[in-house]
Amino acid sequence: MKEIVIFTQNECPPCKIVKMFLDDHNVDYRERNISTDSKARKELTEKYGAFSTPTVLVGEEVIIGFELEKLKKALKIE
């Protein structure tokens, strides 16, 4: 299984929905909260060119924003 990383921030309803989706499908992931982790915030903007959350990494694939269909496809979930 590819490593899953989700960049989140406090008070982000779409972030909560994505985490619930991953939990419901028993997908292990690592959360990086850009509100409390300045290194995560810098990585999100500089390495991945993203300025919004949630941003989900599925292996090398970067899914910026609340894109549930893209996430399903990347994870091969029907």
Protein backbone atom coordinates (compact mmCIF):
# COMPACT_ATOMS: atom_id res chain seq x y z
CA MET A 1 0.00 0.00 0.00
CA LYS A 2 1.24 3.47 -0.84
CA GLU A 3 1.94 5.89 2.00
CA ILE A 4 -0.95 8.29 2.61
CA VAL A 5 -0.27 11.73 4.08
CA ILE A 6 -2.97 14.32 4.65
CA PHE A 7 -2.14 17.98 5.24
CA THR A 8 -4.83 19.54 7.42
CA GLN A 9 -5.43 22.61 9.53
CA ASN A 10 -7.60 23.48 12.49
CA GLU A 11 -11.25 24.33 11.82
CA CYS A 12 -11.26 22.71 8.36
CA PRO A 13 -14.55 20.85 7.74
CA PRO A 14 -13.36 19.26 4.45
CA CYS A 15 -10.29 17.94 6.29
CA LYS A 16 -12.54 16.24 8.83
CA ILE A 17 -14.64 14.70 6.05
CA VAL A 18 -11.57 13.31 4.26
CA LYS A 19 -10.25 11.82 7.52
CA MET A 20 -13.67 10.26 8.21
CA PHE A 21 -13.69 8.81 4.68
CA LEU A 22 -10.22 7.31 5.16
CA ASP A 23 -11.16 5.94 8.59
CA ASP A 24 -14.40 4.44 7.23
CA HIS A 25 -12.38 2.61 4.56
CA ASN A 26 -9.69 1.48 7.03
CA VAL A 27 -6.98 3.45 5.22
CA ASP A 28 -3.93 4.20 7.35
CA TYR A 29 -2.66 7.74 6.97
CA ARG A 30 -0.34 10.23 8.60
CA GLU A 31 -1.76 13.66 9.40
CA ARG A 32 0.33 16.83 9.16
CA ASN A 33 -1.43 19.84 10.68
CA ILE A 34 -0.15 23.07 9.09
CA SER A 35 -1.71 25.14 11.91
CA THR A 36 0.66 23.64 14.47
CA ASP A 37 3.58 22.40 12.35
CA SER A 38 5.51 25.11 10.49
CA LYS A 39 7.66 22.52 8.69
CA ALA A 40 4.49 20.89 7.32
CA ARG A 41 3.18 24.28 6.18
CA LYS A 42 6.47 25.06 4.41
CA GLU A 43 6.56 21.62 2.76
CA LEU A 44 2.94 21.96 1.60
CA THR A 45 3.54 25.29 -0.11
CA GLU A 46 7.11 24.91 -1.35
CA LYS A 47 7.32 21.23 -2.28
CA TYR A 48 3.75 20.60 -3.40
CA GLY A 49 2.69 24.10 -4.50
CA ALA A 50 -0.52 23.81 -2.49
CA PHE A 51 -2.09 26.57 -0.45
CA SER A 52 -5.25 24.83 0.73
CA THR A 53 -6.27 21.91 2.84
CA PRO A 54 -6.93 19.14 2.73
CA THR A 55 -4.07 18.14 0.50
CA VAL A 56 -3.62 14.38 0.30
CA LEU A 57 -0.52 12.52 -0.87
CA VAL A 58 -1.13 9.02 -2.16
CA GLY A 59 2.38 7.82 -2.82
CA GLU A 60 3.64 10.33 -5.39
CA GLU A 61 0.17 11.59 -6.36
CA VAL A 62 -0.88 14.95 -4.91
CA ILE A 63 -4.59 15.70 -4.51
CA ILE A 64 -5.16 19.34 -3.60
CA GLY A 65 -8.46 20.33 -2.03
CA PHE A 66 -11.59 18.34 -1.33
CA GLU A 67 -11.54 15.96 -4.32
CA LEU A 68 -13.28 12.82 -3.08
CA GLU A 69 -13.57 11.20 -6.54
CA LYS A 70 -9.84 11.69 -7.22
CA LEU A 71 -9.06 10.26 -3.80
CA LYS A 72 -11.27 7.21 -4.44
CA LYS A 73 -9.55 6.64 -7.79
CA ALA A 74 -6.06 7.00 -6.29
CA LEU A 75 -6.93 4.54 -3.53
CA LYS A 76 -8.83 2.20 -5.87
CA ILE A 77 -12.00 2.50 -3.78
CA GLU A 78 -15.33 2.02 -5.53
